[in-house]
Amino acid sequence: MSSFRIFDISGSGMNAQSLRLNLVASNISNANSVSSSIDQTYKSRQPVFAAELKNIMDKQNAASKVNVLGVVESQAPTVMEYAPNHPMADQSGYIYKPNVNIVEEMANMMSASRSYQNNVEVLNTAKELVLQTLRIGQ
């Protein structure tokens, strides 16, 4: 494995966690939105990640980058609330709220932030090791 591959691996991890943090921010910012139909209600979004297993098998090494396969919407039901006086209530007097769990999103945010920080530390350590290696000949 090339010494510089660690920069690609760490960078892919940082990109993945950055996407995760953006989705958490989007979920939290839409947590209190209200709509008048189930179809128009915001649904919680989560990223789907995968390791590059094919490259691991082909090259026989244990290092792999993170691929973002996509973003999926939660299948949890939306919250129906009876509020007949609300301006966005439907014919039956219900409003619909997103299926965003704030506590779960905060835990996701802390986890993604910590993972991002760990990838930055790996990147900085690898950089420092490369610089020290270059200084050996001086």
Protein backbone atom coordinates (compact mmCIF):
# COMPACT_ATOMS: atom_id res chain seq x y z
CA MET A 1 0.00 0.00 0.00
CA SER A 2 1.30 3.43 -0.92
CA SER A 3 2.06 5.78 1.96
CA PHE A 4 -0.07 8.42 0.32
CA ARG A 5 -3.18 6.19 0.10
CA ILE A 6 -3.91 7.11 3.72
CA PHE A 7 -4.74 10.64 2.55
CA ASP A 8 -7.38 9.26 0.14
CA ILE A 9 -8.87 7.02 2.82
CA SER A 10 -9.03 9.76 5.43
CA GLY A 11 -10.40 12.24 2.88
CA SER A 12 -13.18 9.88 1.85
CA GLY A 13 -14.10 9.44 5.52
CA MET A 14 -14.22 13.21 5.98
CA ASN A 15 -16.45 13.59 2.90
CA ALA A 16 -18.81 10.91 4.21
CA GLN A 17 -19.08 12.48 7.66
CA SER A 18 -19.55 15.92 6.13
CA LEU A 19 -22.55 14.60 4.17
CA ARG A 20 -23.88 12.99 7.34
CA LEU A 21 -23.58 16.29 9.24
CA ASN A 22 -25.39 18.14 6.43
CA LEU A 23 -28.26 15.64 6.53
CA VAL A 24 -28.50 15.93 10.31
CA ALA A 25 -28.68 19.72 9.98
CA SER A 26 -31.41 19.40 7.37
CA ASN A 27 -33.38 16.98 9.53
CA ILE A 28 -33.15 19.17 12.61
CA SER A 29 -34.06 22.33 10.73
CA ASN A 30 -37.20 20.66 9.35
CA ALA A 31 -38.20 18.90 12.57
CA ASN A 32 -40.88 21.42 13.45
CA SER A 33 -42.28 22.00 9.98
CA VAL A 34 -45.98 21.34 9.43
CA SER A 35 -47.93 20.33 6.36
CA SER A 36 -51.51 19.63 5.44
CA SER A 37 -50.94 16.24 3.79
CA ILE A 38 -48.82 13.15 4.40
CA ASP A 39 -47.29 13.35 0.91
CA GLN A 40 -45.92 16.87 1.46
CA THR A 41 -44.50 16.19 4.93
CA TYR A 42 -40.72 16.25 5.30
CA LYS A 43 -39.21 12.82 5.96
CA SER A 44 -35.99 12.22 7.86
CA ARG A 45 -33.03 11.50 5.55
CA GLN A 46 -30.05 9.26 6.29
CA PRO A 47 -26.89 8.52 4.27
CA VAL A 48 -25.94 5.03 3.09
CA PHE A 49 -22.22 4.24 3.15
CA ALA A 50 -20.18 1.27 1.96
CA ALA A 51 -16.52 0.33 1.91
CA GLU A 52 -14.81 -0.35 -1.41
CA LEU A 53 -14.70 -4.10 -0.89
CA LYS A 54 -13.83 -4.89 -4.50
CA ASN A 55 -10.55 -2.97 -4.22
CA ILE A 56 -9.69 -4.77 -0.99
CA MET A 57 -10.22 -8.18 -2.58
CA ASP A 58 -8.29 -7.31 -5.77
CA LYS A 59 -5.25 -5.77 -4.08
CA GLN A 60 -5.18 -8.00 -0.99
CA ASN A 61 -4.82 -5.09 1.41
CA ALA A 62 -6.97 -4.04 4.33
CA ALA A 63 -7.35 -0.37 3.48
CA SER A 64 -10.49 0.90 1.80
CA LYS A 65 -12.18 4.20 1.09
CA VAL A 66 -15.77 5.03 2.00
CA ASN A 67 -18.32 5.28 -0.80
CA VAL A 68 -21.56 7.18 -0.42
CA LEU A 69 -24.21 4.97 -2.02
CA GLY A 70 -27.00 7.47 -1.57
CA VAL A 71 -29.48 9.09 0.75
CA VAL A 72 -32.64 7.32 1.90
CA GLU A 73 -35.79 8.69 3.47
CA SER A 74 -37.02 7.18 6.72
CA GLN A 75 -40.01 4.85 6.44
CA ALA A 76 -41.23 5.75 9.94
CA PRO A 77 -44.76 7.15 9.95
CA THR A 78 -45.30 10.89 10.08
CA VAL A 79 -46.90 12.36 13.17
CA MET A 80 -50.57 13.26 12.84
CA GLU A 81 -51.81 15.89 15.26
CA TYR A 82 -55.40 17.00 15.66
CA ALA A 83 -55.41 20.80 15.42
CA PRO A 84 -58.65 21.92 13.75
CA ASN A 85 -57.89 25.63 14.28
CA HIS A 86 -54.45 25.46 12.61
CA PRO A 87 -54.39 27.23 9.23
CA MET A 88 -52.74 24.21 7.59
CA ALA A 89 -55.19 21.61 8.95
CA ASP A 90 -56.72 19.26 6.41
CA GLN A 91 -60.44 18.52 5.98
CA SER A 92 -60.45 16.31 9.09
CA GLY A 93 -58.61 18.88 11.23
CA TYR A 94 -55.22 17.13 11.22
CA ILE A 95 -51.78 18.57 10.61
CA TYR A 96 -48.77 16.39 9.76
CA LYS A 97 -45.33 16.68 11.30
CA PRO A 98 -42.04 15.08 10.16
CA ASN A 99 -40.80 11.76 11.51
CA VAL A 100 -37.60 13.40 12.80
CA ASN A 101 -36.41 12.28 16.23
CA ILE A 102 -34.37 15.18 17.64
CA VAL A 103 -32.57 13.03 20.23
CA GLU A 104 -31.51 10.53 17.55
CA GLU A 105 -30.37 13.35 15.29
CA MET A 106 -28.28 14.91 18.06
CA ALA A 107 -26.62 11.54 18.70
CA ASN A 108 -25.94 11.23 14.95
CA MET A 109 -24.48 14.74 14.94
CA MET A 110 -22.12 13.99 17.84
CA SER A 111 -21.04 10.70 16.24
CA ALA A 112 -20.45 12.26 12.81
CA SER A 113 -18.57 15.19 14.32
CA ARG A 114 -16.33 12.86 16.32
CA SER A 115 -15.67 10.65 13.29
CA TYR A 116 -14.78 13.72 11.23
CA GLN A 117 -12.36 14.87 13.95
CA ASN A 118 -10.77 11.40 14.04
CA ASN A 119 -10.22 11.49 10.27
CA VAL A 120 -8.61 14.93 10.59
CA GLU A 121 -6.28 13.54 13.26
CA VAL A 122 -5.32 10.61 11.01
CA LEU A 123 -4.64 13.03 8.17
CA ASN A 124 -2.48 15.30 10.36
CA THR A 125 -0.56 12.36 11.83
CA ALA A 126 0.13 10.90 8.38
CA LYS A 127 1.28 14.31 7.15
CA GLU A 128 3.61 14.70 10.11
CA LEU A 129 5.07 11.23 9.56
CA VAL A 130 5.74 11.97 5.90
CA LEU A 131 7.45 15.24 6.82
CA GLN A 132 9.60 13.54 9.46
CA THR A 133 10.55 10.85 6.94
CA LEU A 134 11.67 13.52 4.50
CA ARG A 135 13.78 15.15 7.24
CA ILE A 136 15.73 11.94 7.94
CA GLY A 137 18.18 12.62 5.11
CA GLN A 138 19.08 16.12 6.28
